[in-house]
Amino acid sequence: MSSLTEERLAPWQKEPFEQISRQYEQGQLPHSILLLGEEGVGREDFSVSVAQWMLCGAETKHAGACGQCKSCQLFEAGSHPDYHCLAVEEGKTQIAVAQVRELIEHMQESSHQAGWKIANITDVHALNASSFNALLKTLEEPQPNTLLLLQAEQLQGVPATIKSRAQLRKVGVADVAVTRQWLEQRHDFISGEMEAAIQLFPTAPYKVESFVEDGQAFKSGEFIYDYSDIVQGKQSPMDVAERWQSELENCVFWCQFLFHDVLYVQQGAGEDVVQLKGQFGATRPIAETISPKGVMLLLSKIIEMQRLIKLKSPANLMASWQSFLIYSSQIAIKYKNIAS
């Protein structure tokens, strides 16, 4: 494998890359590939590596992009005329039909580098009905020497017409041991914070890394103790809502793990079993204060807020966030844990 591709592909990405490479060598490469992988496995980086390799102008490229030819240089500069990435525009929630139509026009043109033309759609689920219908003809009647890379976190919700016309390639980590080994190679050791993050994201190595490096490990602990204070009536919900407004999306994410841990504790689990081990001192009082039914209600509200986050509804989200914290301060009265 060339040094450029070898450096950029993570260990779990090499097998799906080699599968695609073999298909190319055998003349059996499909026109559309659905790349399936959860957040944190580098699915986006993998798709870019495949695109650069396909566009590489080297005479032999079975092992990966050469990194030296004109095509690779254009790609590295972000100005390759035969590569088009389609993503949700800033401030929008979906890929617009106008974006798709522009992409189709580019794909129907002759290759500028006398080679392949690649389209990379970063999230299939962001296609609305109109934009998908516009793309459908390209899927059904692809131009010669064109490759459409379609990305999705999960297969559920991917239109049946894509499933039937695109070849599925999974990019993921099957074993937590792979995550641990990769992190050890990059950092020489596994810190306590990293160990906690591995418990949260066992098959999402990049997510583990960013959780620690972005300071989320420390922040999550601070927030969960603040939240525990709300439940126990020690802090004002509105004060906590304002303090954590800039981290709102992360707080919603942390709450999901928190409530699962609370349910574990209510079933008799100790600190060694819960996912947020460092926050056990905040988790236990919540478990002792609110009944399991109350915890399930809180969890359902968090799931609804996650839906709002995906819809990118900031106004509705902030109002829901404040309401959720106020509700959390009241729920211990209505759903008191009489078992404690």
C-alpha atoms as a PDB file:
ATOM      1  CA  MET A   1       0.000   0.000   0.000  1.00  0.00           C
ATOM      2  CA  SER A   2       1.303   3.459  -0.833  1.00  0.00           C
ATOM      3  CA  SER A   3       2.585   5.505   2.074  1.00  0.00           C
ATOM      4  CA  LEU A   4      -0.105   8.178   1.587  1.00  0.00           C
ATOM      5  CA  THR A   5      -3.043   5.780   1.809  1.00  0.00           C
ATOM      6  CA  GLU A   6      -1.373   3.642   4.471  1.00  0.00           C
ATOM      7  CA  GLU A   7      -0.923   6.664   6.722  1.00  0.00           C
ATOM      8  CA  ARG A   8      -4.495   7.820   6.334  1.00  0.00           C
ATOM      9  CA  LEU A   9      -6.439   4.586   6.641  1.00  0.00           C
ATOM     10  CA  ALA A  10      -7.171   3.372  10.156  1.00  0.00           C
ATOM     11  CA  PRO A  11      -6.739  -0.397  10.724  1.00  0.00           C
ATOM     12  CA  TRP A  12     -10.478  -1.140  10.516  1.00  0.00           C
ATOM     13  CA  GLN A  13     -10.744   0.814   7.250  1.00  0.00           C
ATOM     14  CA  LYS A  14      -8.167  -1.240   5.362  1.00  0.00           C
ATOM     15  CA  GLU A  15     -10.324  -4.279   4.643  1.00  0.00           C
ATOM     16  CA  PRO A  16     -13.236  -2.360   3.057  1.00  0.00           C
ATOM     17  CA  PHE A  17     -10.698  -0.321   1.054  1.00  0.00           C
ATOM     18  CA  GLU A  18      -9.019  -3.490  -0.212  1.00  0.00           C
ATOM     19  CA  GLN A  19     -12.426  -4.925  -1.184  1.00  0.00           C
ATOM     20  CA  ILE A  20     -13.193  -1.853  -3.288  1.00  0.00           C
ATOM     21  CA  SER A  21      -9.673  -1.884  -4.736  1.00  0.00           C
ATOM     22  CA  ARG A  22     -10.027  -5.524  -5.826  1.00  0.00           C
ATOM     23  CA  GLN A  23     -13.328  -4.764  -7.516  1.00  0.00           C
ATOM     24  CA  TYR A  24     -11.680  -1.919  -9.422  1.00  0.00           C
ATOM     25  CA  GLU A  25      -8.828  -4.181 -10.599  1.00  0.00           C
ATOM     26  CA  GLN A  26     -11.303  -6.844 -11.724  1.00  0.00           C
ATOM     27  CA  GLY A  27     -13.482  -4.348 -13.583  1.00  0.00           C
ATOM     28  CA  GLN A  28     -16.394  -5.018 -11.214  1.00  0.00           C
ATOM     29  CA  LEU A  29     -16.613  -1.687  -9.412  1.00  0.00           C
ATOM     30  CA  PRO A  30     -20.254  -0.629  -8.973  1.00  0.00           C
ATOM     31  CA  HIS A  31     -21.430   2.843  -9.921  1.00  0.00           C
ATOM     32  CA  SER A  32     -22.786   3.489  -6.399  1.00  0.00           C
ATOM     33  CA  ILE A  33     -21.391   2.445  -3.004  1.00  0.00           C
ATOM     34  CA  LEU A  34     -23.279   2.942   0.260  1.00  0.00           C
ATOM     35  CA  LEU A  35     -20.710   3.464   3.030  1.00  0.00           C
ATOM     36  CA  LEU A  36     -22.292   2.538   6.342  1.00  0.00           C
ATOM     37  CA  GLY A  37     -20.587   3.490   9.609  1.00  0.00           C
ATOM     38  CA  GLU A  38     -21.405   5.121  12.921  1.00  0.00           C
ATOM     39  CA  GLU A  39     -20.049   8.492  13.956  1.00  0.00           C
ATOM     40  CA  GLY A  40     -16.530   8.121  15.282  1.00  0.00           C
ATOM     41  CA  VAL A  41     -15.165   5.472  12.877  1.00  0.00           C
ATOM     42  CA  GLY A  42     -13.861   7.958  10.306  1.00  0.00           C
ATOM     43  CA  ARG A  43     -16.439   7.192   7.635  1.00  0.00           C
ATOM     44  CA  GLU A  44     -16.002  10.663   6.111  1.00  0.00           C
ATOM     45  CA  ASP A  45     -12.211  10.335   5.973  1.00  0.00           C
ATOM     46  CA  PHE A  46     -12.551   6.890   4.432  1.00  0.00           C
ATOM     47  CA  SER A  47     -14.799   8.178   1.655  1.00  0.00           C
ATOM     48  CA  VAL A  48     -12.293  10.936   0.874  1.00  0.00           C
ATOM     49  CA  SER A  49      -9.455   8.380   0.713  1.00  0.00           C
ATOM     50  CA  VAL A  50     -11.467   6.255  -1.725  1.00  0.00           C
ATOM     51  CA  ALA A  51     -12.236   9.309  -3.855  1.00  0.00           C
ATOM     52  CA  GLN A  52      -8.605  10.449  -4.044  1.00  0.00           C
ATOM     53  CA  TRP A  53      -7.456   6.929  -4.897  1.00  0.00           C
ATOM     54  CA  MET A  54     -10.039   6.653  -7.696  1.00  0.00           C
ATOM     55  CA  LEU A  55      -8.969   9.998  -9.160  1.00  0.00           C
ATOM     56  CA  CYS A  56      -5.231   9.336  -8.837  1.00  0.00           C
ATOM     57  CA  GLY A  57      -3.517   9.638 -12.205  1.00  0.00           C
ATOM     58  CA  ALA A  58      -0.713   7.168 -11.498  1.00  0.00           C
ATOM     59  CA  GLU A  59      -0.378   4.285 -13.950  1.00  0.00           C
ATOM     60  CA  THR A  60      -0.611   1.737 -11.136  1.00  0.00           C
ATOM     61  CA  LYS A  61      -2.757   2.563  -8.139  1.00  0.00           C
ATOM     62  CA  HIS A  62      -3.925  -0.817  -6.865  1.00  0.00           C
ATOM     63  CA  ALA A  63      -2.417  -0.023  -3.456  1.00  0.00           C
ATOM     64  CA  GLY A  64      -3.739   3.530  -3.092  1.00  0.00           C
ATOM     65  CA  ALA A  65      -3.278   7.114  -4.215  1.00  0.00           C
ATOM     66  CA  CYS A  66       0.293   8.060  -5.140  1.00  0.00           C
ATOM     67  CA  GLY A  67       0.069  11.546  -3.657  1.00  0.00           C
ATOM     68  CA  GLN A  68       2.427  12.941  -6.315  1.00  0.00           C
ATOM     69  CA  CYS A  69       0.532  13.180  -9.621  1.00  0.00           C
ATOM     70  CA  LYS A  70      -1.335  16.271 -10.808  1.00  0.00           C
ATOM     71  CA  SER A  71      -4.672  14.727  -9.846  1.00  0.00           C
ATOM     72  CA  CYS A  72      -3.513  14.068  -6.285  1.00  0.00           C
ATOM     73  CA  GLN A  73      -2.102  17.570  -6.006  1.00  0.00           C
ATOM     74  CA  LEU A  74      -5.414  19.068  -7.161  1.00  0.00           C
ATOM     75  CA  PHE A  75      -7.267  16.863  -4.685  1.00  0.00           C
ATOM     76  CA  GLU A  76      -4.978  17.842  -1.812  1.00  0.00           C
ATOM     77  CA  ALA A  77      -5.540  21.502  -2.681  1.00  0.00           C
ATOM     78  CA  GLY A  78      -9.308  20.965  -2.553  1.00  0.00           C
ATOM     79  CA  SER A  79      -9.760  21.980  -6.186  1.00  0.00           C
ATOM     80  CA  HIS A  80     -10.105  18.756  -8.159  1.00  0.00           C
ATOM     81  CA  PRO A  81     -12.647  19.463 -10.928  1.00  0.00           C
ATOM     82  CA  ASP A  82     -13.828  15.833 -11.064  1.00  0.00           C
ATOM     83  CA  TYR A  83     -14.616  15.519  -7.339  1.00  0.00           C
ATOM     84  CA  HIS A  84     -17.829  16.880  -5.866  1.00  0.00           C
ATOM     85  CA  CYS A  85     -18.852  16.636  -2.226  1.00  0.00           C
ATOM     86  CA  LEU A  86     -22.498  17.147  -1.356  1.00  0.00           C
ATOM     87  CA  ALA A  87     -23.319  18.118   2.233  1.00  0.00           C
ATOM     88  CA  VAL A  88     -25.925  20.097   4.143  1.00  0.00           C
ATOM     89  CA  GLU A  89     -25.210  23.802   3.711  1.00  0.00           C
ATOM     90  CA  GLU A  90     -24.587  25.912   6.800  1.00  0.00           C
ATOM     91  CA  GLY A  91     -27.801  27.012   8.459  1.00  0.00           C
ATOM     92  CA  LYS A  92     -29.845  24.355   6.649  1.00  0.00           C
ATOM     93  CA  THR A  93     -31.168  20.990   7.808  1.00  0.00           C
ATOM     94  CA  GLN A  94     -31.397  19.142   4.487  1.00  0.00           C
ATOM     95  CA  ILE A  95     -29.611  18.795   1.166  1.00  0.00           C
ATOM     96  CA  ALA A  96     -31.558  21.016  -1.226  1.00  0.00           C
ATOM     97  CA  VAL A  97     -32.780  19.861  -4.619  1.00  0.00           C
ATOM     98  CA  ALA A  98     -30.799  22.702  -6.239  1.00  0.00           C
ATOM     99  CA  GLN A  99     -27.584  21.221  -4.811  1.00  0.00           C
ATOM    100  CA  VAL A 100     -28.410  17.828  -6.295  1.00  0.00           C
ATOM    101  CA  ARG A 101     -29.221  19.272  -9.702  1.00  0.00           C
ATOM    102  CA  GLU A 102     -25.910  21.134  -9.743  1.00  0.00           C
ATOM    103  CA  LEU A 103     -24.121  17.912  -8.835  1.00  0.00           C
ATOM    104  CA  ILE A 104     -25.875  16.026 -11.653  1.00  0.00           C
ATOM    105  CA  GLU A 105     -24.761  18.650 -14.166  1.00  0.00           C
ATOM    106  CA  HIS A 106     -21.139  18.215 -13.054  1.00  0.00           C
ATOM    107  CA  MET A 107     -21.397  14.437 -13.239  1.00  0.00           C
ATOM    108  CA  GLN A 108     -22.733  14.586 -16.799  1.00  0.00           C
ATOM    109  CA  GLU A 109     -19.793  16.661 -18.026  1.00  0.00           C
ATOM    110  CA  SER A 110     -16.691  15.065 -19.501  1.00  0.00           C
ATOM    111  CA  SER A 111     -13.892  14.373 -17.044  1.00  0.00           C
ATOM    112  CA  HIS A 112     -11.420  17.271 -16.805  1.00  0.00           C
ATOM    113  CA  GLN A 113      -8.550  14.880 -16.058  1.00  0.00           C
ATOM    114  CA  ALA A 114      -9.574  12.189 -18.565  1.00  0.00           C
ATOM    115  CA  GLY A 115     -10.389   9.792 -15.739  1.00  0.00           C
ATOM    116  CA  TRP A 116     -13.180   9.131 -13.273  1.00  0.00           C
ATOM    117  CA  LYS A 117     -15.736  11.520 -11.814  1.00  0.00           C
ATOM    118  CA  ILE A 118     -16.604  11.083  -8.142  1.00  0.00           C
ATOM    119  CA  ALA A 119     -19.577  12.365  -6.145  1.00  0.00           C
ATOM    120  CA  ASN A 120     -19.492  12.079  -2.356  1.00  0.00           C
ATOM    121  CA  ILE A 121     -22.784  12.582  -0.476  1.00  0.00           C
ATOM    122  CA  THR A 122     -21.932  12.894   3.206  1.00  0.00           C
ATOM    123  CA  ASP A 123     -25.335  11.949   4.641  1.00  0.00           C
ATOM    124  CA  VAL A 124     -28.023  10.086   2.701  1.00  0.00           C
ATOM    125  CA  HIS A 125     -30.554  10.851   5.442  1.00  0.00           C
ATOM    126  CA  ALA A 126     -30.185  14.581   4.712  1.00  0.00           C
ATOM    127  CA  LEU A 127     -31.754  14.118   1.285  1.00  0.00           C
ATOM    128  CA  ASN A 128     -35.392  15.218   1.296  1.00  0.00           C
ATOM    129  CA  ALA A 129     -37.988  13.735  -1.072  1.00  0.00           C
ATOM    130  CA  SER A 130     -37.339  16.305  -3.819  1.00  0.00           C
ATOM    131  CA  SER A 131     -33.553  16.092  -3.694  1.00  0.00           C
ATOM    132  CA  PHE A 132     -33.664  12.297  -3.631  1.00  0.00           C
ATOM    133  CA  ASN A 133     -35.994  12.154  -6.632  1.00  0.00           C
ATOM    134  CA  ALA A 134     -33.604  14.429  -8.505  1.00  0.00           C
ATOM    135  CA  LEU A 135     -30.760  12.043  -7.709  1.00  0.00           C
ATOM    136  CA  LEU A 136     -32.700   8.919  -8.641  1.00  0.00           C
ATOM    137  CA  LYS A 137     -32.099   9.129 -12.398  1.00  0.00           C
ATOM    138  CA  THR A 138     -28.324   9.320 -11.790  1.00  0.00           C
ATOM    139  CA  LEU A 139     -28.597   6.162  -9.689  1.00  0.00           C
ATOM    140  CA  GLU A 140     -30.687   4.389 -12.320  1.00  0.00           C
ATOM    141  CA  GLU A 141     -28.748   5.575 -15.396  1.00  0.00           C
ATOM    142  CA  PRO A 142     -25.158   6.335 -14.291  1.00  0.00           C
ATOM    143  CA  GLN A 143     -22.641   7.834 -16.696  1.00  0.00           C
ATOM    144  CA  PRO A 144     -19.562   5.727 -17.606  1.00  0.00           C
ATOM    145  CA  ASN A 145     -16.558   6.090 -15.279  1.00  0.00           C
ATOM    146  CA  THR A 146     -18.550   7.726 -12.501  1.00  0.00           C
ATOM    147  CA  LEU A 147     -18.705   6.659  -8.866  1.00  0.00           C
ATOM    148  CA  LEU A 148     -21.290   7.806  -6.358  1.00  0.00           C
ATOM    149  CA  LEU A 149     -20.262   7.459  -2.698  1.00  0.00           C
ATOM    150  CA  LEU A 150     -23.271   7.595  -0.377  1.00  0.00           C
ATOM    151  CA  GLN A 151     -22.718   7.818   3.371  1.00  0.00           C
ATOM    152  CA  ALA A 152     -25.045   6.864   6.224  1.00  0.00           C
ATOM    153  CA  GLU A 153     -24.699   6.124   9.923  1.00  0.00           C
ATOM    154  CA  GLN A 154     -27.340   3.398   9.858  1.00  0.00           C
ATOM    155  CA  LEU A 155     -29.225   1.430   7.241  1.00  0.00           C
ATOM    156  CA  GLN A 156     -32.595   2.169   8.795  1.00  0.00           C
ATOM    157  CA  GLY A 157     -34.243   5.013   6.932  1.00  0.00           C
ATOM    158  CA  VAL A 158     -32.128   4.671   3.774  1.00  0.00           C
ATOM    159  CA  PRO A 159     -34.577   4.626   0.822  1.00  0.00           C
ATOM    160  CA  ALA A 160     -35.146   1.195  -0.691  1.00  0.00           C
ATOM    161  CA  THR A 161     -34.182   2.518  -4.123  1.00  0.00           C
ATOM    162  CA  ILE A 162     -30.703   3.322  -2.808  1.00  0.00           C
ATOM    163  CA  LYS A 163     -30.357  -0.051  -1.097  1.00  0.00           C
ATOM    164  CA  SER A 164     -31.227  -1.806  -4.351  1.00  0.00           C
ATOM    165  CA  ARG A 165     -28.916   0.262  -6.559  1.00  0.00           C
ATOM    166  CA  ALA A 166     -25.873   0.798  -4.328  1.00  0.00           C
ATOM    167  CA  GLN A 167     -23.447  -1.801  -3.033  1.00  0.00           C
ATOM    168  CA  LEU A 168     -23.158  -1.821   0.755  1.00  0.00           C
ATOM    169  CA  ARG A 169     -19.733  -1.439   2.369  1.00  0.00           C
ATOM    170  CA  LYS A 170     -19.519  -1.317   6.159  1.00  0.00           C
ATOM    171  CA  VAL A 171     -16.826   0.804   7.784  1.00  0.00           C
ATOM    172  CA  GLY A 172     -16.716   0.065  11.475  1.00  0.00           C
ATOM    173  CA  VAL A 173     -15.038  -1.395  14.530  1.00  0.00           C
ATOM    174  CA  ALA A 174     -16.322  -4.785  15.639  1.00  0.00           C
ATOM    175  CA  ASP A 175     -14.346  -5.168  18.867  1.00  0.00           C
ATOM    176  CA  VAL A 176     -13.452  -2.750  21.667  1.00  0.00           C
ATOM    177  CA  ALA A 177      -9.963  -4.300  21.627  1.00  0.00           C
ATOM    178  CA  VAL A 178      -9.384  -2.640  18.244  1.00  0.00           C
ATOM    179  CA  THR A 179     -10.354   0.731  19.705  1.00  0.00           C
ATOM    180  CA  ARG A 180      -8.029   0.241  22.662  1.00  0.00           C
ATOM    181  CA  GLN A 181      -5.085  -0.905  20.524  1.00  0.00           C
ATOM    182  CA  TRP A 182      -5.475   2.039  18.126  1.00  0.00           C
ATOM    183  CA  LEU A 183      -5.577   4.542  21.000  1.00  0.00           C
ATOM    184  CA  GLU A 184      -2.513   2.966  22.645  1.00  0.00           C
ATOM    185  CA  GLN A 185      -0.569   3.241  19.392  1.00  0.00           C
ATOM    186  CA  ARG A 186      -1.479   6.925  19.033  1.00  0.00           C
ATOM    187  CA  HIS A 187      -1.049   7.971  22.663  1.00  0.00           C
ATOM    188  CA  ASP A 188       1.331   5.348  24.127  1.00  0.00           C
ATOM    189  CA  PHE A 189      -1.005   4.712  27.074  1.00  0.00           C
ATOM    190  CA  ILE A 190      -4.681   4.770  28.068  1.00  0.00           C
ATOM    191  CA  SER A 191      -5.451   7.546  30.539  1.00  0.00           C
ATOM    192  CA  GLY A 192      -8.251   7.347  33.090  1.00  0.00           C
ATOM    193  CA  GLU A 193     -10.355   9.793  31.075  1.00  0.00           C
ATOM    194  CA  MET A 194      -9.748   7.765  27.939  1.00  0.00           C
ATOM    195  CA  GLU A 195     -10.733   4.569  29.725  1.00  0.00           C
ATOM    196  CA  ALA A 196     -14.020   6.187  30.759  1.00  0.00           C
ATOM    197  CA  ALA A 197     -14.613   7.355  27.179  1.00  0.00           C
ATOM    198  CA  ILE A 198     -13.976   3.822  25.864  1.00  0.00           C
ATOM    199  CA  GLN A 199     -16.823   2.631  28.081  1.00  0.00           C
ATOM    200  CA  LEU A 200     -19.083   5.191  26.395  1.00  0.00           C
ATOM    201  CA  PHE A 201     -17.905   4.656  22.805  1.00  0.00           C
ATOM    202  CA  PRO A 202     -16.406   1.147  22.605  1.00  0.00           C
ATOM    203  CA  THR A 203     -16.598   0.951  18.807  1.00  0.00           C
ATOM    204  CA  ALA A 204     -16.059   4.641  17.917  1.00  0.00           C
ATOM    205  CA  PRO A 205     -12.300   5.332  18.351  1.00  0.00           C
ATOM    206  CA  TYR A 206     -12.310   8.879  16.967  1.00  0.00           C
ATOM    207  CA  LYS A 207     -15.179   9.760  19.288  1.00  0.00           C
ATOM    208  CA  VAL A 208     -13.176   8.506  22.264  1.00  0.00           C
ATOM    209  CA  GLU A 209     -10.251  10.652  21.229  1.00  0.00           C
ATOM    210  CA  SER A 210     -12.279  13.822  20.707  1.00  0.00           C
ATOM    211  CA  PHE A 211     -14.220  13.262  23.949  1.00  0.00           C
ATOM    212  CA  VAL A 212     -10.971  13.476  25.883  1.00  0.00           C
ATOM    213  CA  GLU A 213      -9.093  16.039  23.794  1.00  0.00           C
ATOM    214  CA  ASP A 214     -12.044  18.460  23.611  1.00  0.00           C
ATOM    215  CA  GLY A 215     -12.401  18.415  27.383  1.00  0.00           C
ATOM    216  CA  GLN A 216     -15.791  16.715  27.291  1.00  0.00           C
ATOM    217  CA  ALA A 217     -14.716  14.176  29.895  1.00  0.00           C
ATOM    218  CA  PHE A 218     -14.197  16.940  32.484  1.00  0.00           C
ATOM    219  CA  LYS A 219     -17.197  19.007  31.394  1.00  0.00           C
ATOM    220  CA  SER A 220     -19.555  16.022  31.487  1.00  0.00           C
ATOM    221  CA  GLY A 221     -18.627  15.450  35.128  1.00  0.00           C
ATOM    222  CA  GLU A 222     -19.302  19.077  36.046  1.00  0.00           C
ATOM    223  CA  PHE A 223     -22.656  19.097  34.299  1.00  0.00           C
ATOM    224  CA  ILE A 224     -23.861  15.814  35.815  1.00  0.00           C
ATOM    225  CA  TYR A 225     -23.123  17.071  39.320  1.00  0.00           C
ATOM    226  CA  ASP A 226     -25.022  20.289  38.500  1.00  0.00           C
ATOM    227  CA  TYR A 227     -27.917  18.228  37.203  1.00  0.00           C
ATOM    228  CA  SER A 228     -27.911  16.093  40.348  1.00  0.00           C
ATOM    229  CA  ASP A 229     -28.150  19.323  42.352  1.00  0.00           C
ATOM    230  CA  ILE A 230     -31.275  20.314  40.383  1.00  0.00           C
ATOM    231  CA  VAL A 231     -32.954  17.009  41.207  1.00  0.00           C
ATOM    232  CA  GLN A 232     -32.053  17.423  44.873  1.00  0.00           C
ATOM    233  CA  GLY A 233     -33.274  21.037  44.944  1.00  0.00           C
ATOM    234  CA  LYS A 234     -29.800  22.495  45.542  1.00  0.00           C
ATOM    235  CA  GLN A 235     -29.577  24.593  42.349  1.00  0.00           C
ATOM    236  CA  SER A 236     -31.996  26.582  40.205  1.00  0.00           C
ATOM    237  CA  PRO A 237     -32.917  24.926  36.869  1.00  0.00           C
ATOM    238  CA  MET A 238     -32.727  28.269  35.031  1.00  0.00           C
ATOM    239  CA  ASP A 239     -29.257  29.002  36.422  1.00  0.00           C
ATOM    240  CA  VAL A 240     -27.996  25.624  35.213  1.00  0.00           C
ATOM    241  CA  ALA A 241     -29.763  26.059  31.847  1.00  0.00           C
ATOM    242  CA  GLU A 242     -27.978  29.369  31.275  1.00  0.00           C
ATOM    243  CA  ARG A 243     -24.592  28.077  32.492  1.00  0.00           C
ATOM    244  CA  TRP A 244     -24.634  25.123  30.083  1.00  0.00           C
ATOM    245  CA  GLN A 245     -26.382  26.766  27.132  1.00  0.00           C
ATOM    246  CA  SER A 246     -23.244  26.696  24.957  1.00  0.00           C
ATOM    247  CA  GLU A 247     -22.849  22.953  25.653  1.00  0.00           C
ATOM    248  CA  LEU A 248     -26.538  22.142  25.269  1.00  0.00           C
ATOM    249  CA  GLU A 249     -26.149  19.406  22.655  1.00  0.00           C
ATOM    250  CA  ASN A 250     -23.422  17.704  24.669  1.00  0.00           C
ATOM    251  CA  CYS A 251     -25.515  17.942  27.847  1.00  0.00           C
ATOM    252  CA  VAL A 252     -28.409  16.173  26.140  1.00  0.00           C
ATOM    253  CA  PHE A 253     -26.002  13.463  25.026  1.00  0.00           C
ATOM    254  CA  TRP A 254     -24.522  13.086  28.534  1.00  0.00           C
ATOM    255  CA  CYS A 255     -28.009  12.854  30.063  1.00  0.00           C
ATOM    256  CA  GLN A 256     -28.789   9.776  27.998  1.00  0.00           C
ATOM    257  CA  PHE A 257     -25.853   7.913  29.546  1.00  0.00           C
ATOM    258  CA  LEU A 258     -26.678   9.327  32.973  1.00  0.00           C
ATOM    259  CA  PHE A 259     -30.249   8.008  32.967  1.00  0.00           C
ATOM    260  CA  HIS A 260     -29.148   4.573  31.811  1.00  0.00           C
ATOM    261  CA  ASP A 261     -26.667   4.531  34.709  1.00  0.00           C
ATOM    262  CA  VAL A 262     -29.397   5.653  37.127  1.00  0.00           C
ATOM    263  CA  LEU A 263     -31.543   2.710  36.036  1.00  0.00           C
ATOM    264  CA  TYR A 264     -28.570   0.352  36.520  1.00  0.00           C
ATOM    265  CA  VAL A 265     -28.027   1.683  40.055  1.00  0.00           C
ATOM    266  CA  GLN A 266     -31.710   1.231  40.852  1.00  0.00           C
ATOM    267  CA  GLN A 267     -31.288  -2.408  39.855  1.00  0.00           C
ATOM    268  CA  GLY A 268     -28.427  -2.790  42.315  1.00  0.00           C
ATOM    269  CA  ALA A 269     -25.388  -1.959  40.132  1.00  0.00           C
ATOM    270  CA  GLY A 270     -22.315  -0.491  41.765  1.00  0.00           C
ATOM    271  CA  GLU A 271     -19.682   1.960  40.578  1.00  0.00           C
ATOM    272  CA  ASP A 272     -17.786  -0.780  38.735  1.00  0.00           C
ATOM    273  CA  VAL A 273     -20.757  -1.441  36.407  1.00  0.00           C
ATOM    274  CA  VAL A 274     -21.989   2.030  35.410  1.00  0.00           C
ATOM    275  CA  GLN A 275     -20.641   3.802  32.327  1.00  0.00           C
ATOM    276  CA  LEU A 276     -19.994   7.194  33.970  1.00  0.00           C
ATOM    277  CA  LYS A 277     -17.861   5.858  36.801  1.00  0.00           C
ATOM    278  CA  GLY A 278     -16.378   9.215  37.731  1.00  0.00           C
ATOM    279  CA  GLN A 279     -19.843  10.660  38.282  1.00  0.00           C
ATOM    280  CA  PHE A 280     -21.178   7.856  40.480  1.00  0.00           C
ATOM    281  CA  GLY A 281     -21.407  10.285  43.412  1.00  0.00           C
ATOM    282  CA  ALA A 282     -23.947  12.308  41.407  1.00  0.00           C
ATOM    283  CA  THR A 283     -25.727   9.331  39.862  1.00  0.00           C
ATOM    284  CA  ARG A 284     -26.570   7.574  43.117  1.00  0.00           C
ATOM    285  CA  PRO A 285     -28.545  10.475  44.690  1.00  0.00           C
ATOM    286  CA  ILE A 286     -30.659  10.717  41.518  1.00  0.00           C
ATOM    287  CA  ALA A 287     -31.328   6.965  41.652  1.00  0.00           C
ATOM    288  CA  GLU A 288     -32.364   7.276  45.305  1.00  0.00           C
ATOM    289  CA  THR A 289     -34.580  10.329  44.700  1.00  0.00           C
ATOM    290  CA  ILE A 290     -36.573   9.511  41.537  1.00  0.00           C
ATOM    291  CA  SER A 291     -38.574   6.343  40.869  1.00  0.00           C
ATOM    292  CA  PRO A 292     -37.712   4.166  37.847  1.00  0.00           C
ATOM    293  CA  LYS A 293     -40.896   5.375  36.116  1.00  0.00           C
ATOM    294  CA  GLY A 294     -39.762   8.972  36.592  1.00  0.00           C
ATOM    295  CA  VAL A 295     -36.329   8.168  35.154  1.00  0.00           C
ATOM    296  CA  MET A 296     -37.945   6.601  32.081  1.00  0.00           C
ATOM    297  CA  LEU A 297     -39.993   9.765  31.572  1.00  0.00           C
ATOM    298  CA  LEU A 298     -36.817  11.857  31.735  1.00  0.00           C
ATOM    299  CA  LEU A 299     -35.123   9.530  29.264  1.00  0.00           C
ATOM    300  CA  SER A 300     -38.031   9.887  26.829  1.00  0.00           C
ATOM    301  CA  LYS A 301     -37.738  13.670  27.010  1.00  0.00           C
ATOM    302  CA  ILE A 302     -34.003  13.459  26.263  1.00  0.00           C
ATOM    303  CA  ILE A 303     -34.708  11.281  23.219  1.00  0.00           C
ATOM    304  CA  GLU A 304     -37.175  13.904  21.991  1.00  0.00           C
ATOM    305  CA  MET A 305     -34.539  16.620  22.438  1.00  0.00           C
ATOM    306  CA  GLN A 306     -32.081  14.555  20.433  1.00  0.00           C
ATOM    307  CA  ARG A 307     -34.664  14.549  17.648  1.00  0.00           C
ATOM    308  CA  LEU A 308     -34.805  18.355  17.781  1.00  0.00           C
ATOM    309  CA  ILE A 309     -31.017  18.501  17.603  1.00  0.00           C
ATOM    310  CA  LYS A 310     -31.046  16.399  14.425  1.00  0.00           C
ATOM    311  CA  LEU A 311     -33.687  18.709  12.979  1.00  0.00           C
ATOM    312  CA  LYS A 312     -31.458  21.678  13.869  1.00  0.00           C
ATOM    313  CA  SER A 313     -34.232  23.637  15.610  1.00  0.00           C
ATOM    314  CA  PRO A 314     -32.282  25.955  17.943  1.00  0.00           C
ATOM    315  CA  ALA A 315     -35.270  28.030  19.145  1.00  0.00           C
ATOM    316  CA  ASN A 316     -37.384  24.999  20.003  1.00  0.00           C
ATOM    317  CA  LEU A 317     -34.369  23.243  21.478  1.00  0.00           C
ATOM    318  CA  MET A 318     -33.512  25.993  23.967  1.00  0.00           C
ATOM    319  CA  ALA A 319     -37.123  26.212  25.152  1.00  0.00           C
ATOM    320  CA  SER A 320     -37.249  22.422  25.507  1.00  0.00           C
ATOM    321  CA  TRP A 321     -33.953  22.449  27.397  1.00  0.00           C
ATOM    322  CA  GLN A 322     -35.240  24.929  29.964  1.00  0.00           C
ATOM    323  CA  SER A 323     -38.518  23.031  30.308  1.00  0.00           C
ATOM    324  CA  PHE A 324     -36.637  19.769  30.749  1.00  0.00           C
ATOM    325  CA  LEU A 325     -34.524  21.111  33.626  1.00  0.00           C
ATOM    326  CA  ILE A 326     -37.564  22.638  35.326  1.00  0.00           C
ATOM    327  CA  TYR A 327     -39.362  19.313  34.943  1.00  0.00           C
ATOM    328  CA  SER A 328     -36.321  17.552  36.436  1.00  0.00           C
ATOM    329  CA  SER A 329     -36.588  19.730  39.553  1.00  0.00           C
ATOM    330  CA  GLN A 330     -40.253  18.809  39.963  1.00  0.00           C
ATOM    331  CA  ILE A 331     -40.212  15.139  39.039  1.00  0.00           C
ATOM    332  CA  ALA A 332     -38.672  14.008  42.340  1.00  0.00           C
ATOM    333  CA  ILE A 333     -41.841  15.196  44.075  1.00  0.00           C
ATOM    334  CA  LYS A 334     -44.279  13.549  41.674  1.00  0.00           C
ATOM    335  CA  TYR A 335     -42.217  10.397  41.138  1.00  0.00           C
ATOM    336  CA  LYS A 336     -40.451   9.981  44.455  1.00  0.00           C
ATOM    337  CA  ASN A 337     -38.481   6.763  44.805  1.00  0.00           C
ATOM    338  CA  ILE A 338     -40.252   5.152  47.784  1.00  0.00           C
ATOM    339  CA  ALA A 339     -37.844   2.209  47.618  1.00  0.00           C
ATOM    340  CA  SER A 340     -34.933   4.319  48.881  1.00  0.00           C
END
